[in-house]
Amino acid sequence: MNIRLNYSKTLARPSLREYSESIVFDNELRADVFGNANLKLVKVNNYDVRMETYFPSGDFVSLSLFYKDFKNHIELIDLNGGFSWSNSDFSTVKGIEIDGRKKLGKNIEFTTNISLISSKSTVIGYALMLDVPTKVQTWVPIDTFERVMYGQAPYVINTMVAYNYEKIGLNISLAYNLQGPRLAIQGARNVSDLSKNVPDIFEMPRHLFDLKIIQKLTERFGISLTVRDILNSPIRRSYKYTDSSGNNLGYLVDFDSFRYGTNFLLSFSYKI
């Protein structure tokens, strides 16, 4: 058994779109999106402990505990007239991760990765004020609240079954992915009138199956077929229905639902 303790400190820089103040209509958000030139660098402290065991058969299992704290984490926020990005004062992510590999036969192998995650982000709500004569923009803070981190799923499951027949150069793998509900659109908040609050919208879990077949033809030539999202699973975004007082009534209402379609990719390779 190996036991590893790790600490690292990293930086993340805003993307060009997050910086640029040009206004672009976003079809997924169904609203205008513009950047924030005042964004700061994101500073992250990473802590984790990992325990792993290897077996003579080549199988292994590992367990990791991790914690991350973010300073100035970039969050997408609703400005009651459009969406933009702002820095969160403080955000945290903590959880547990399990990895494993098991040979099911001479040519079949099963691997899995499961993560359970808890996240929290302190977000400042702003109103964007524009002075027309001078065209100066001012970000006026309205409220501070806590919610889950934007785009962070509470659980992630990845598994794969692979068949490898080296004698004929054939490899077939079937992968499965499932992520928990993720915050997709932050609802608008009106602290002076809670009845005008708009609920947060979450992207609901979807079952993704991908298939990849690789066939070696000669020492240098090969062919592969990849089928992504075999089931053509719909992307469903929903919110919790509340009454006029903001009380959760216990069921979900769909904001929208759409599909990207199943993708087929056929490729040929040549090794020099």
Protein backbone atom coordinates (compact mmCIF):
# COMPACT_ATOMS: atom_id res chain seq x y z
CA MET A 1 0.00 0.00 0.00
CA ASN A 2 1.18 3.50 -0.85
CA ILE A 3 0.06 6.59 1.06
CA ARG A 4 0.62 9.96 -0.57
CA LEU A 5 0.14 13.44 0.86
CA ASN A 6 0.05 16.30 -1.62
CA TYR A 7 -0.21 20.07 -1.54
CA SER A 8 -0.03 22.45 -4.47
CA LYS A 9 -0.85 26.04 -5.21
CA THR A 10 -2.10 27.02 -8.65
CA LEU A 11 -3.31 30.05 -10.59
CA ALA A 12 -6.10 30.29 -13.15
CA ARG A 13 -6.45 33.19 -15.52
CA PRO A 14 -9.73 34.53 -16.97
CA SER A 15 -10.43 33.56 -20.56
CA LEU A 16 -10.68 36.11 -23.36
CA ARG A 17 -14.47 35.82 -23.42
CA GLU A 18 -14.66 36.45 -19.67
CA TYR A 19 -12.47 39.56 -20.06
CA SER A 20 -14.04 41.02 -23.20
CA GLU A 21 -16.85 43.50 -22.54
CA SER A 22 -18.41 43.03 -25.97
CA ILE A 23 -22.05 41.91 -25.79
CA VAL A 24 -22.90 38.54 -27.37
CA PHE A 25 -26.28 36.78 -27.32
CA ASP A 26 -25.98 33.29 -25.83
CA ASN A 27 -28.50 30.77 -27.18
CA GLU A 28 -28.19 28.41 -24.21
CA LEU A 29 -28.67 31.17 -21.63
CA ARG A 30 -31.19 32.93 -23.87
CA ALA A 31 -29.76 36.28 -22.87
CA ASP A 32 -26.96 38.71 -23.59
CA VAL A 33 -23.53 37.83 -22.17
CA PHE A 34 -20.67 40.27 -21.69
CA GLY A 35 -17.30 40.08 -20.00
CA ASN A 36 -15.79 41.85 -17.04
CA ALA A 37 -12.43 43.57 -17.57
CA ASN A 38 -11.96 43.85 -13.79
CA LEU A 39 -11.65 40.10 -13.19
CA LYS A 40 -8.78 38.98 -10.97
CA LEU A 41 -6.57 35.91 -11.12
CA VAL A 42 -7.92 32.83 -9.36
CA LYS A 43 -5.70 31.42 -6.61
CA VAL A 44 -6.22 27.78 -5.59
CA ASN A 45 -4.81 25.77 -2.70
CA ASN A 46 -5.02 22.01 -3.30
CA TYR A 47 -4.76 19.40 -0.54
CA ASP A 48 -5.23 15.66 -0.90
CA VAL A 49 -4.31 12.35 0.66
CA ARG A 50 -4.28 9.18 -1.46
CA MET A 51 -4.10 5.53 -0.44
CA GLU A 52 -3.49 2.95 -3.17
CA THR A 53 -2.98 -0.80 -3.31
CA TYR A 54 -1.64 -2.85 -6.23
CA PHE A 55 -2.11 -6.59 -6.76
CA PRO A 56 0.12 -9.13 -8.57
CA SER A 57 -2.60 -9.60 -11.22
CA GLY A 58 -2.25 -5.96 -12.27
CA ASP A 59 -5.45 -4.88 -10.54
CA PHE A 60 -5.43 -1.86 -8.23
CA VAL A 61 -7.72 0.19 -6.01
CA SER A 62 -7.18 3.66 -4.58
CA LEU A 63 -9.01 6.04 -2.28
CA SER A 64 -8.44 9.80 -2.24
CA LEU A 65 -9.66 12.58 0.02
CA PHE A 66 -9.29 16.09 -1.39
CA TYR A 67 -9.97 19.69 -0.46
CA LYS A 68 -9.54 22.86 -2.51
CA ASP A 69 -10.06 26.47 -1.54
CA PHE A 70 -10.39 29.19 -4.16
CA LYS A 71 -9.74 32.89 -3.88
CA ASN A 72 -11.44 34.95 -6.62
CA HIS A 73 -13.08 31.93 -8.27
CA ILE A 74 -14.82 33.12 -11.45
CA GLU A 75 -18.60 32.66 -11.38
CA LEU A 76 -21.23 33.36 -14.02
CA ILE A 77 -23.87 35.65 -12.50
CA ASP A 78 -27.21 37.17 -13.52
CA LEU A 79 -27.20 40.97 -13.63
CA ASN A 80 -30.96 41.34 -14.21
CA GLY A 81 -30.52 42.22 -17.86
CA GLY A 82 -27.76 39.90 -18.94
CA PHE A 83 -25.06 37.59 -17.68
CA SER A 84 -21.45 38.28 -16.87
CA TRP A 85 -18.60 36.91 -14.76
CA SER A 86 -17.41 38.07 -11.36
CA ASN A 87 -14.92 36.91 -8.75
CA SER A 88 -16.21 35.01 -5.75
CA ASP A 89 -14.64 36.02 -2.44
CA PHE A 90 -14.18 32.44 -1.28
CA SER A 91 -15.11 29.01 -2.66
CA THR A 92 -14.39 25.47 -1.51
CA VAL A 93 -14.56 21.99 -3.00
CA LYS A 94 -14.10 18.82 -0.96
CA GLY A 95 -14.80 15.19 -1.59
CA ILE A 96 -13.76 11.60 -1.96
CA GLU A 97 -12.58 9.74 -5.06
CA ILE A 98 -12.33 6.00 -5.68
CA ASP A 99 -10.33 4.48 -8.56
CA GLY A 100 -10.06 0.84 -9.48
CA ARG A 101 -9.11 -1.65 -12.18
CA LYS A 102 -10.09 -5.31 -12.36
CA LYS A 103 -9.25 -7.91 -14.97
CA LEU A 104 -12.35 -9.96 -15.76
CA GLY A 105 -10.55 -12.43 -18.00
CA LYS A 106 -7.53 -12.84 -20.20
CA ASN A 107 -8.61 -10.07 -22.58
CA ILE A 108 -11.25 -8.11 -20.66
CA GLU A 109 -10.58 -5.30 -18.21
CA PHE A 110 -12.91 -3.15 -16.12
CA THR A 111 -11.95 0.30 -14.77
CA THR A 112 -13.96 2.78 -12.74
CA ASN A 113 -13.66 6.19 -11.17
CA ILE A 114 -16.27 7.52 -8.72
CA SER A 115 -16.19 10.95 -7.06
CA LEU A 116 -18.49 12.41 -4.43
CA ILE A 117 -18.12 16.18 -4.20
CA SER A 118 -19.39 19.00 -2.01
CA SER A 119 -18.90 22.58 -3.17
CA LYS A 120 -19.77 26.00 -1.82
CA SER A 121 -19.23 29.45 -3.25
CA THR A 122 -19.77 32.88 -1.72
CA VAL A 123 -21.17 35.03 -4.51
CA ILE A 124 -21.77 38.77 -4.59
CA GLY A 125 -24.79 39.92 -6.58
CA TYR A 126 -24.23 43.07 -8.60
CA ALA A 127 -26.18 45.59 -10.60
CA LEU A 128 -24.33 47.04 -13.57
CA MET A 129 -24.79 50.80 -13.83
CA LEU A 130 -23.84 52.71 -16.98
CA ASP A 131 -23.26 56.45 -17.05
CA VAL A 132 -24.44 57.31 -20.56
CA PRO A 133 -22.51 60.58 -21.11
CA THR A 134 -19.16 59.15 -20.00
CA LYS A 135 -19.92 55.48 -20.86
CA VAL A 136 -18.36 54.47 -17.55
CA GLN A 137 -19.58 51.16 -16.13
CA THR A 138 -19.95 50.71 -12.39
CA TRP A 139 -20.54 47.40 -10.63
CA VAL A 140 -22.76 48.09 -7.63
CA PRO A 141 -22.93 45.24 -5.04
CA ILE A 142 -26.49 44.36 -4.00
CA ASP A 143 -26.30 41.20 -1.93
CA THR A 144 -23.99 38.38 -0.84
CA PHE A 145 -25.22 34.79 -0.78
CA GLU A 146 -23.92 31.22 -0.78
CA ARG A 147 -24.67 28.49 -3.31
CA VAL A 148 -23.02 25.50 -4.93
CA MET A 149 -20.13 26.27 -7.27
CA TYR A 150 -21.17 27.02 -10.84
CA GLY A 151 -20.89 23.93 -13.07
CA GLN A 152 -19.78 21.59 -10.26
CA ALA A 153 -21.59 18.24 -10.06
CA PRO A 154 -22.12 16.59 -6.63
CA TYR A 155 -21.05 13.23 -8.03
CA VAL A 156 -19.24 11.89 -11.11
CA ILE A 157 -19.18 8.25 -12.26
CA ASN A 158 -16.89 6.99 -15.04
CA THR A 159 -16.59 3.32 -15.94
CA MET A 160 -15.15 1.44 -18.91
CA VAL A 161 -15.06 -2.15 -20.10
CA ALA A 162 -12.28 -2.89 -22.59
CA TYR A 163 -11.60 -5.96 -24.71
CA ASN A 164 -8.10 -6.32 -26.11
CA TYR A 165 -7.08 -9.15 -28.45
CA GLU A 166 -3.44 -8.46 -29.26
CA LYS A 167 -3.09 -11.41 -31.60
CA ILE A 168 -5.24 -9.73 -34.26
CA GLY A 169 -4.68 -6.13 -33.07
CA LEU A 170 -8.28 -5.55 -31.98
CA ASN A 171 -9.34 -3.27 -29.11
CA ILE A 172 -12.97 -2.54 -28.17
CA SER A 173 -13.96 -0.27 -25.30
CA LEU A 174 -17.36 0.81 -23.98
CA ALA A 175 -17.34 3.84 -21.65
CA TYR A 176 -20.10 5.12 -19.39
CA ASN A 177 -20.34 8.57 -17.78
CA LEU A 178 -22.85 10.03 -15.34
CA GLN A 179 -22.66 13.42 -13.62
CA GLY A 180 -24.98 14.77 -10.96
CA PRO A 181 -27.10 17.92 -11.39
CA ARG A 182 -24.96 20.97 -12.16
CA LEU A 183 -25.81 24.65 -11.83
CA ALA A 184 -26.30 25.85 -15.42
CA ILE A 185 -28.01 29.24 -15.00
CA GLN A 186 -28.03 31.26 -11.82
CA GLY A 187 -31.46 32.66 -11.07
CA ALA A 188 -31.95 36.37 -10.53
CA ARG A 189 -32.31 37.55 -6.93
CA ASN A 190 -34.19 40.61 -5.72
CA VAL A 191 -33.45 41.10 -2.02
CA SER A 192 -36.10 43.80 -1.68
CA ASP A 193 -38.85 41.52 -2.95
CA LEU A 194 -38.29 37.77 -2.55
CA SER A 195 -41.42 37.00 -4.60
CA LYS A 196 -39.52 38.23 -7.66
CA ASN A 197 -36.66 35.76 -7.22
CA VAL A 198 -35.99 33.53 -10.21
CA PRO A 199 -34.87 29.98 -9.26
CA ASP A 200 -31.51 28.49 -10.19
CA ILE A 201 -31.58 26.19 -13.23
CA PHE A 202 -29.68 22.89 -13.10
CA GLU A 203 -28.54 20.58 -15.88
CA MET A 204 -29.92 17.20 -14.88
CA PRO A 205 -27.96 13.91 -14.97
CA ARG A 206 -27.71 12.15 -18.34
CA HIS A 207 -26.42 8.67 -19.14
CA LEU A 208 -23.62 8.80 -21.71
CA PHE A 209 -22.32 5.69 -23.48
CA ASP A 210 -19.38 5.89 -25.90
CA LEU A 211 -18.02 3.04 -28.02
CA LYS A 212 -14.57 2.88 -29.60
CA ILE A 213 -13.23 0.11 -31.86
CA ILE A 214 -9.59 0.08 -32.97
CA GLN A 215 -8.31 -2.45 -35.51
CA LYS A 216 -4.66 -2.74 -36.44
CA LEU A 217 -4.38 -3.58 -40.17
CA THR A 218 -0.61 -3.75 -40.60
CA GLU A 219 2.45 -2.70 -38.64
CA ARG A 220 1.85 0.89 -39.73
CA PHE A 221 -1.82 1.16 -40.71
CA GLY A 222 -4.84 1.16 -38.42
CA ILE A 223 -8.52 2.04 -38.49
CA SER A 224 -10.83 3.14 -35.70
CA LEU A 225 -14.54 3.81 -35.25
CA THR A 226 -15.85 6.01 -32.42
CA VAL A 227 -19.54 6.34 -31.56
CA ARG A 228 -20.21 9.10 -29.05
CA ASP A 229 -23.45 9.32 -27.05
CA ILE A 230 -24.91 6.07 -28.36
CA LEU A 231 -28.30 6.66 -26.71
CA ASN A 232 -28.51 10.29 -27.92
CA SER A 233 -29.38 11.28 -24.36
CA PRO A 234 -31.25 14.58 -24.03
CA ILE A 235 -29.77 17.52 -22.16
CA ARG A 236 -32.48 18.50 -19.70
CA ARG A 237 -32.29 21.69 -17.65
CA SER A 238 -34.79 22.10 -14.84
CA TYR A 239 -35.60 24.15 -11.75
CA LYS A 240 -37.45 23.53 -8.51
CA TYR A 241 -40.96 24.93 -8.59
CA THR A 242 -41.73 27.40 -5.81
CA ASP A 243 -44.82 29.35 -4.79
CA SER A 244 -45.05 33.14 -4.57
CA SER A 245 -43.46 33.07 -1.11
CA GLY A 246 -40.41 31.17 -2.33
CA ASN A 247 -41.39 27.84 -0.75
CA ASN A 248 -40.18 24.76 -2.62
CA LEU A 249 -43.16 22.63 -3.68
CA GLY A 250 -41.08 19.50 -4.20
CA TYR A 251 -41.09 18.91 -7.95
CA LEU A 252 -39.10 19.96 -11.00
CA VAL A 253 -40.15 22.00 -14.01
CA ASP A 254 -38.20 21.76 -17.26
CA PHE A 255 -36.58 24.96 -18.48
CA ASP A 256 -35.64 23.31 -21.77
CA SER A 257 -34.55 20.01 -23.28
CA PHE A 258 -32.45 19.35 -26.39
CA ARG A 259 -30.12 16.79 -27.96
CA TYR A 260 -26.75 17.07 -29.67
CA GLY A 261 -27.23 13.77 -31.53
CA THR A 262 -25.10 10.65 -31.80
CA ASN A 263 -21.69 11.27 -33.41
CA PHE A 264 -19.83 8.75 -35.58
CA LEU A 265 -16.14 9.20 -36.28
CA LEU A 266 -14.21 6.94 -38.65
CA SER A 267 -10.46 7.50 -38.84
CA PHE A 268 -7.37 5.94 -40.38
CA SER A 269 -3.89 6.14 -38.88
CA TYR A 270 -0.39 5.64 -40.19
CA LYS A 271 2.68 5.28 -37.97
CA ILE A 272 5.96 6.55 -39.36
